[in-house]
């Protein structure tokens, strides 16, 4: 049953336009919490569009617990 809810969550995130590899990675990073994975993917895309490096974004978002303002401050200071 958990596997089916995992697949459903992944499917919903993929339909939002996120890449499959990123969706799977985000789901694992946040213990399969669709809400947290979705927040992470949204912020990752936002910061990526601002020109920040993806590996730095991931690191900062994990450290800041997906808190947008704190993460942005950290990225700007790097």
PDB file of N, CA and C in Angstrom:
ATOM      1  N   UNK A   1       0.825  -1.211   0.000  1.00  0.00           N
ATOM      2  CA  UNK A   1       0.000   0.000   0.000  1.00  0.00           C
ATOM      3  C   UNK A   1       0.857   1.258   0.000  1.00  0.00           C
ATOM      4  N   UNK A   2       1.936   1.261   0.780  1.00  0.00           N
ATOM      5  CA  UNK A   2       2.816   2.422   0.802  1.00  0.00           C
ATOM      6  C   UNK A   2       3.429   2.661  -0.572  1.00  0.00           C
ATOM      7  N   UNK A   3       3.764   1.569  -1.255  1.00  0.00           N
ATOM      8  CA  UNK A   3       4.366   1.696  -2.569  1.00  0.00           C
ATOM      9  C   UNK A   3       3.401   2.372  -3.543  1.00  0.00           C
ATOM     10  N   UNK A   4       2.122   2.020  -3.455  1.00  0.00           N
ATOM     11  CA  UNK A   4       1.121   2.635  -4.328  1.00  0.00           C
ATOM     12  C   UNK A   4       0.967   4.122  -4.035  1.00  0.00           C
ATOM     13  N   UNK A   5       0.998   4.506  -2.769  1.00  0.00           N
ATOM     14  CA  UNK A   5       0.881   5.934  -2.452  1.00  0.00           C
ATOM     15  C   UNK A   5       2.142   6.675  -2.906  1.00  0.00           C
ATOM     16  N   UNK A   6       3.291   5.996  -2.826  1.00  0.00           N
ATOM     17  CA  UNK A   6       4.544   6.570  -3.335  1.00  0.00           C
ATOM     18  C   UNK A   6       4.432   6.809  -4.842  1.00  0.00           C
ATOM     19  N   UNK A   7       3.939   5.811  -5.573  1.00  0.00           N
ATOM     20  CA  UNK A   7       3.784   5.948  -7.026  1.00  0.00           C
ATOM     21  C   UNK A   7       2.799   7.062  -7.364  1.00  0.00           C
ATOM     22  N   UNK A   8       1.730   7.155  -6.612  1.00  0.00           N
ATOM     23  CA  UNK A   8       0.739   8.215  -6.834  1.00  0.00           C
ATOM     24  C   UNK A   8       1.342   9.591  -6.612  1.00  0.00           C
ATOM     25  N   UNK A   9       2.125   9.721  -5.540  1.00  0.00           N
ATOM     26  CA  UNK A   9       2.781  10.994  -5.240  1.00  0.00           C
ATOM     27  C   UNK A   9       3.760  11.353  -6.351  1.00  0.00           C
ATOM     28  N   UNK A  10       4.562  10.388  -6.777  1.00  0.00           N
ATOM     29  CA  UNK A  10       5.524  10.628  -7.863  1.00  0.00           C
ATOM     30  C   UNK A  10       4.794  11.053  -9.132  1.00  0.00           C
ATOM     31  N   UNK A  11       3.697  10.381  -9.423  1.00  0.00           N
ATOM     32  CA  UNK A  11       2.928  10.685 -10.622  1.00  0.00           C
ATOM     33  C   UNK A  11       2.396  12.119 -10.579  1.00  0.00           C
ATOM     34  N   UNK A  12       1.871  12.536  -9.427  1.00  0.00           N
ATOM     35  CA  UNK A  12       1.352  13.903  -9.294  1.00  0.00           C
ATOM     36  C   UNK A  12       2.467  14.933  -9.477  1.00  0.00           C
ATOM     37  N   UNK A  13       3.650  14.647  -8.924  1.00  0.00           N
ATOM     38  CA  UNK A  13       4.777  15.582  -9.054  1.00  0.00           C
ATOM     39  C   UNK A  13       5.281  15.629 -10.497  1.00  0.00           C
ATOM     40  N   UNK A  14       5.316  14.481 -11.162  1.00  0.00           N
ATOM     41  CA  UNK A  14       5.734  14.442 -12.565  1.00  0.00           C
ATOM     42  C   UNK A  14       4.770  15.249 -13.433  1.00  0.00           C
ATOM     43  N   UNK A  15       3.493  15.182 -13.120  1.00  0.00           N
ATOM     44  CA  UNK A  15       2.487  15.930 -13.886  1.00  0.00           C
ATOM     45  C   UNK A  15       2.635  17.435 -13.699  1.00  0.00           C
ATOM     46  N   UNK A  16       3.332  17.845 -12.641  1.00  0.00           N
ATOM     47  CA  UNK A  16       3.596  19.265 -12.428  1.00  0.00           C
ATOM     48  C   UNK A  16       4.815  19.718 -13.245  1.00  0.00           C
ATOM     49  N   UNK A  17       5.452  18.776 -13.938  1.00  0.00           N
ATOM     50  CA  UNK A  17       6.535  19.136 -14.840  1.00  0.00           C
ATOM     51  C   UNK A  17       7.936  18.903 -14.308  1.00  0.00           C
ATOM     52  N   UNK A  18       8.052  18.272 -13.138  1.00  0.00           N
ATOM     53  CA  UNK A  18       9.379  17.996 -12.594  1.00  0.00           C
ATOM     54  C   UNK A  18       9.971  16.751 -13.242  1.00  0.00           C
ATOM     55  N   UNK A  19      11.292  16.692 -13.302  1.00  0.00           N
ATOM     56  CA  UNK A  19      11.979  15.545 -13.908  1.00  0.00           C
ATOM     57  C   UNK A  19      11.887  14.328 -12.989  1.00  0.00           C
ATOM     58  N   UNK A  20      11.813  13.153 -13.598  1.00  0.00           N
ATOM     59  CA  UNK A  20      11.637  11.915 -12.847  1.00  0.00           C
ATOM     60  C   UNK A  20      12.745  11.696 -11.816  1.00  0.00           C
ATOM     61  N   UNK A  21      13.998  11.887 -12.215  1.00  0.00           N
ATOM     62  CA  UNK A  21      15.121  11.698 -11.296  1.00  0.00           C
ATOM     63  C   UNK A  21      15.043  12.622 -10.097  1.00  0.00           C
ATOM     64  N   UNK A  22      14.658  13.867 -10.347  1.00  0.00           N
ATOM     65  CA  UNK A  22      14.535  14.840  -9.257  1.00  0.00           C
ATOM     66  C   UNK A  22      13.389  14.476  -8.331  1.00  0.00           C
ATOM     67  N   UNK A  23      12.295  14.006  -8.895  1.00  0.00           N
ATOM     68  CA  UNK A  23      11.132  13.614  -8.081  1.00  0.00           C
ATOM     69  C   UNK A  23      11.518  12.462  -7.158  1.00  0.00           C
ATOM     70  N   UNK A  24      12.158  11.437  -7.716  1.00  0.00           N
ATOM     71  CA  UNK A  24      12.548  10.274  -6.911  1.00  0.00           C
ATOM     72  C   UNK A  24      13.534  10.674  -5.819  1.00  0.00           C
ATOM     73  N   UNK A  25      14.501  11.515  -6.167  1.00  0.00           N
ATOM     74  CA  UNK A  25      15.493  11.966  -5.187  1.00  0.00           C
ATOM     75  C   UNK A  25      14.828  12.768  -4.067  1.00  0.00           C
ATOM     76  N   UNK A  26      13.928  13.679  -4.439  1.00  0.00           N
ATOM     77  CA  UNK A  26      13.241  14.504  -3.436  1.00  0.00           C
ATOM     78  C   UNK A  26      12.379  13.642  -2.512  1.00  0.00           C
ATOM     79  N   UNK A  27      11.681  12.667  -3.080  1.00  0.00           N
ATOM     80  CA  UNK A  27      10.842  11.786  -2.265  1.00  0.00           C
ATOM     81  C   UNK A  27      11.696  11.010  -1.259  1.00  0.00           C
ATOM     82  N   UNK A  28      12.860  10.546  -1.683  1.00  0.00           N
ATOM     83  CA  UNK A  28      13.743   9.823  -0.762  1.00  0.00           C
ATOM     84  C   UNK A  28      14.293  10.750   0.315  1.00  0.00           C
ATOM     85  N   UNK A  29      14.701  11.949  -0.086  1.00  0.00           N
ATOM     86  CA  UNK A  29      15.303  12.897   0.855  1.00  0.00           C
ATOM     87  C   UNK A  29      14.342  13.260   1.978  1.00  0.00           C
ATOM     88  N   UNK A  30      13.046  13.301   1.659  1.00  0.00           N
ATOM     89  CA  UNK A  30      12.054  13.725   2.649  1.00  0.00           C
ATOM     90  C   UNK A  30      11.179  12.568   3.123  1.00  0.00           C
ATOM     91  N   UNK A  31      11.766  11.391   3.220  1.00  0.00           N
ATOM     92  CA  UNK A  31      11.075  10.200   3.717  1.00  0.00           C
ATOM     93  C   UNK A  31       9.691  10.040   3.096  1.00  0.00           C
ATOM     94  N   UNK A  32       9.620  10.265   1.805  1.00  0.00           N
ATOM     95  CA  UNK A  32       8.406  10.038   1.014  1.00  0.00           C
ATOM     96  C   UNK A  32       7.253  10.957   1.382  1.00  0.00           C
ATOM     97  N   UNK A  33       7.573  12.133   1.909  1.00  0.00           N
ATOM     98  CA  UNK A  33       6.546  13.144   2.169  1.00  0.00           C
ATOM     99  C   UNK A  33       6.323  13.923   0.873  1.00  0.00           C
ATOM    100  N   UNK A  34       5.160  13.733   0.286  1.00  0.00           N
ATOM    101  CA  UNK A  34       4.864  14.419  -0.981  1.00  0.00           C
ATOM    102  C   UNK A  34       4.881  15.932  -0.799  1.00  0.00           C
ATOM    103  N   UNK A  35       4.358  16.404   0.326  1.00  0.00           N
ATOM    104  CA  UNK A  35       4.299  17.848   0.586  1.00  0.00           C
ATOM    105  C   UNK A  35       5.700  18.455   0.632  1.00  0.00           C
ATOM    106  N   UNK A  36       6.597  17.834   1.395  1.00  0.00           N
ATOM    107  CA  UNK A  36       7.954  18.364   1.517  1.00  0.00           C
ATOM    108  C   UNK A  36       8.724  18.232   0.204  1.00  0.00           C
ATOM    109  N   UNK A  37       8.520  17.128  -0.487  1.00  0.00           N
ATOM    110  CA  UNK A  37       9.186  16.936  -1.780  1.00  0.00           C
ATOM    111  C   UNK A  37       8.716  17.994  -2.772  1.00  0.00           C
ATOM    112  N   UNK A  38       7.412  18.293  -2.767  1.00  0.00           N
ATOM    113  CA  UNK A  38       6.861  19.299  -3.675  1.00  0.00           C
ATOM    114  C   UNK A  38       7.429  20.684  -3.366  1.00  0.00           C
ATOM    115  N   UNK A  39       7.532  21.023  -2.067  1.00  0.00           N
ATOM    116  CA  UNK A  39       8.128  22.308  -1.661  1.00  0.00           C
ATOM    117  C   UNK A  39       9.564  22.392  -2.166  1.00  0.00           C
ATOM    118  N   UNK A  40      10.308  21.320  -1.943  1.00  0.00           N
ATOM    119  CA  UNK A  40      11.710  21.267  -2.339  1.00  0.00           C
ATOM    120  C   UNK A  40      11.850  21.451  -3.853  1.00  0.00           C
ATOM    121  N   UNK A  41      11.064  20.718  -4.627  1.00  0.00           N
ATOM    122  CA  UNK A  41      11.152  20.791  -6.088  1.00  0.00           C
ATOM    123  C   UNK A  41      10.767  22.176  -6.598  1.00  0.00           C
ATOM    124  N   UNK A  42       9.767  22.776  -5.980  1.00  0.00           N
ATOM    125  CA  UNK A  42       9.333  24.123  -6.369  1.00  0.00           C
ATOM    126  C   UNK A  42      10.459  25.130  -6.123  1.00  0.00           C
ATOM    127  N   UNK A  43      11.056  25.068  -4.951  1.00  0.00           N
ATOM    128  CA  UNK A  43      12.141  25.997  -4.621  1.00  0.00           C
ATOM    129  C   UNK A  43      13.380  25.728  -5.461  1.00  0.00           C
ATOM    130  N   UNK A  44      13.666  24.465  -5.705  1.00  0.00           N
ATOM    131  CA  UNK A  44      14.797  24.094  -6.553  1.00  0.00           C
ATOM    132  C   UNK A  44      14.648  24.733  -7.936  1.00  0.00           C
ATOM    133  N   UNK A  45      13.456  24.625  -8.504  1.00  0.00           N
ATOM    134  CA  UNK A  45      13.193  25.209  -9.825  1.00  0.00           C
ATOM    135  C   UNK A  45      13.310  26.733  -9.776  1.00  0.00           C
ATOM    136  N   UNK A  46      12.760  27.338  -8.725  1.00  0.00           N
ATOM    137  CA  UNK A  46      12.814  28.800  -8.580  1.00  0.00           C
ATOM    138  C   UNK A  46      14.249  29.292  -8.513  1.00  0.00           C
ATOM    139  N   UNK A  47      15.038  28.692  -7.630  1.00  0.00           N
ATOM    140  CA  UNK A  47      16.424  29.133  -7.451  1.00  0.00           C
ATOM    141  C   UNK A  47      17.268  28.809  -8.680  1.00  0.00           C
ATOM    142  N   UNK A  48      16.949  27.717  -9.344  1.00  0.00           N
ATOM    143  CA  UNK A  48      17.629  27.345 -10.583  1.00  0.00           C
ATOM    144  C   UNK A  48      17.393  28.431 -11.636  1.00  0.00           C
ATOM    145  N   UNK A  49      16.148  28.903 -11.726  1.00  0.00           N
ATOM    146  CA  UNK A  49      15.808  29.975 -12.666  1.00  0.00           C
ATOM    147  C   UNK A  49      16.546  31.273 -12.343  1.00  0.00           C
ATOM    148  N   UNK A  50      16.899  31.451 -11.080  1.00  0.00           N
ATOM    149  CA  UNK A  50      17.637  32.658 -10.670  1.00  0.00           C
ATOM    150  C   UNK A  50      19.128  32.539 -11.005  1.00  0.00           C
ATOM    151  N   UNK A  51      19.544  31.343 -11.449  1.00  0.00           N
ATOM    152  CA  UNK A  51      20.928  31.170 -11.866  1.00  0.00           C
ATOM    153  C   UNK A  51      21.845  30.502 -10.855  1.00  0.00           C
ATOM    154  N   UNK A  52      21.290  30.022  -9.747  1.00  0.00           N
ATOM    155  CA  UNK A  52      22.122  29.327  -8.763  1.00  0.00           C
ATOM    156  C   UNK A  52      22.404  27.905  -9.234  1.00  0.00           C
ATOM    157  N   UNK A  53      23.513  27.332  -8.748  1.00  0.00           N
ATOM    158  CA  UNK A  53      23.904  25.972  -9.116  1.00  0.00           C
ATOM    159  C   UNK A  53      23.038  24.958  -8.380  1.00  0.00           C
ATOM    160  N   UNK A  54      22.619  23.923  -9.110  1.00  0.00           N
ATOM    161  CA  UNK A  54      21.689  22.942  -8.556  1.00  0.00           C
ATOM    162  C   UNK A  54      22.227  22.236  -7.310  1.00  0.00           C
ATOM    163  N   UNK A  55      23.504  21.854  -7.318  1.00  0.00           N
ATOM    164  CA  UNK A  55      24.052  21.151  -6.139  1.00  0.00           C
ATOM    165  C   UNK A  55      24.079  22.068  -4.924  1.00  0.00           C
ATOM    166  N   UNK A  56      24.359  23.363  -5.123  1.00  0.00           N
ATOM    167  CA  UNK A  56      24.346  24.311  -4.003  1.00  0.00           C
ATOM    168  C   UNK A  56      22.925  24.506  -3.490  1.00  0.00           C
ATOM    169  N   UNK A  57      21.976  24.583  -4.410  1.00  0.00           N
ATOM    170  CA  UNK A  57      20.573  24.770  -4.021  1.00  0.00           C
ATOM    171  C   UNK A  57      20.108  23.600  -3.149  1.00  0.00           C
ATOM    172  N   UNK A  58      20.395  22.384  -3.586  1.00  0.00           N
ATOM    173  CA  UNK A  58      19.976  21.192  -2.830  1.00  0.00           C
ATOM    174  C   UNK A  58      20.544  21.218  -1.423  1.00  0.00           C
ATOM    175  N   UNK A  59      21.833  21.513  -1.337  1.00  0.00           N
ATOM    176  CA  UNK A  59      22.512  21.540  -0.033  1.00  0.00           C
ATOM    177  C   UNK A  59      21.862  22.566   0.887  1.00  0.00           C
ATOM    178  N   UNK A  60      21.649  23.773   0.384  1.00  0.00           N
ATOM    179  CA  UNK A  60      21.092  24.858   1.187  1.00  0.00           C
ATOM    180  C   UNK A  60      19.644  24.556   1.591  1.00  0.00           C
ATOM    181  N   UNK A  61      18.858  24.023   0.674  1.00  0.00           N
ATOM    182  CA  UNK A  61      17.468  23.711   1.008  1.00  0.00           C
ATOM    183  C   UNK A  61      17.391  22.647   2.105  1.00  0.00           C
ATOM    184  N   UNK A  62      18.274  21.672   2.048  1.00  0.00           N
ATOM    185  CA  UNK A  62      18.294  20.654   3.109  1.00  0.00           C
ATOM    186  C   UNK A  62      18.679  21.266   4.445  1.00  0.00           C
ATOM    187  N   UNK A  63      19.699  22.104   4.435  1.00  0.00           N
ATOM    188  CA  UNK A  63      20.149  22.757   5.668  1.00  0.00           C
ATOM    189  C   UNK A  63      19.070  23.657   6.260  1.00  0.00           C
ATOM    190  N   UNK A  64      18.343  24.338   5.397  1.00  0.00           N
ATOM    191  CA  UNK A  64      17.343  25.320   5.840  1.00  0.00           C
ATOM    192  C   UNK A  64      15.944  24.729   5.964  1.00  0.00           C
ATOM    193  N   UNK A  65      15.795  23.454   5.718  1.00  0.00           N
ATOM    194  CA  UNK A  65      14.484  22.821   5.831  1.00  0.00           C
ATOM    195  C   UNK A  65      13.439  23.425   4.906  1.00  0.00           C
ATOM    196  N   UNK A  66      13.844  23.713   3.682  1.00  0.00           N
ATOM    197  CA  UNK A  66      12.951  24.276   2.652  1.00  0.00           C
ATOM    198  C   UNK A  66      12.429  25.668   2.994  1.00  0.00           C
ATOM    199  N   UNK A  67      13.090  26.380   3.895  1.00  0.00           N
ATOM    200  CA  UNK A  67      12.647  27.743   4.222  1.00  0.00           C
ATOM    201  C   UNK A  67      13.208  28.688   3.162  1.00  0.00           C
ATOM    202  N   UNK A  68      12.326  29.222   2.338  1.00  0.00           N
ATOM    203  CA  UNK A  68      12.724  29.982   1.162  1.00  0.00           C
ATOM    204  C   UNK A  68      13.653  31.163   1.494  1.00  0.00           C
ATOM    205  N   UNK A  69      13.258  31.998   2.438  1.00  0.00           N
ATOM    206  CA  UNK A  69      14.037  33.209   2.729  1.00  0.00           C
ATOM    207  C   UNK A  69      15.437  32.869   3.256  1.00  0.00           C
ATOM    208  N   UNK A  70      15.493  31.918   4.190  1.00  0.00           N
ATOM    209  CA  UNK A  70      16.801  31.507   4.740  1.00  0.00           C
ATOM    210  C   UNK A  70      17.674  30.912   3.649  1.00  0.00           C
ATOM    211  N   UNK A  71      17.077  30.073   2.804  1.00  0.00           N
ATOM    212  CA  UNK A  71      17.831  29.438   1.727  1.00  0.00           C
ATOM    213  C   UNK A  71      18.365  30.481   0.759  1.00  0.00           C
ATOM    214  N   UNK A  72      17.545  31.454   0.425  1.00  0.00           N
ATOM    215  CA  UNK A  72      17.965  32.504  -0.504  1.00  0.00           C
ATOM    216  C   UNK A  72      19.127  33.296   0.079  1.00  0.00           C
ATOM    217  N   UNK A  73      19.040  33.633   1.368  1.00  0.00           N
ATOM    218  CA  UNK A  73      20.147  34.340   2.021  1.00  0.00           C
ATOM    219  C   UNK A  73      21.431  33.539   1.931  1.00  0.00           C
ATOM    220  N   UNK A  74      21.341  32.246   2.236  1.00  0.00           N
ATOM    221  CA  UNK A  74      22.530  31.370   2.175  1.00  0.00           C
ATOM    222  C   UNK A  74      23.117  31.326   0.768  1.00  0.00           C
ATOM    223  N   UNK A  75      22.264  31.202  -0.223  1.00  0.00           N
ATOM    224  CA  UNK A  75      22.738  31.124  -1.610  1.00  0.00           C
ATOM    225  C   UNK A  75      23.418  32.419  -2.042  1.00  0.00           C
ATOM    226  N   UNK A  76      22.847  33.540  -1.649  1.00  0.00           N
ATOM    227  CA  UNK A  76      23.403  34.841  -2.014  1.00  0.00           C
ATOM    228  C   UNK A  76      24.772  35.037  -1.361  1.00  0.00           C
ATOM    229  N   UNK A  77      24.922  34.526  -0.136  1.00  0.00           N
ATOM    230  CA  UNK A  77      26.192  34.704   0.589  1.00  0.00           C
ATOM    231  C   UNK A  77      27.309  33.805   0.062  1.00  0.00           C
ATOM    232  N   UNK A  78      26.951  32.721  -0.663  1.00  0.00           N
ATOM    233  CA  UNK A  78      27.971  31.789  -1.160  1.00  0.00           C
ATOM    234  C   UNK A  78      28.824  32.429  -2.237  1.00  0.00           C
TER     235      UNK A  78
END
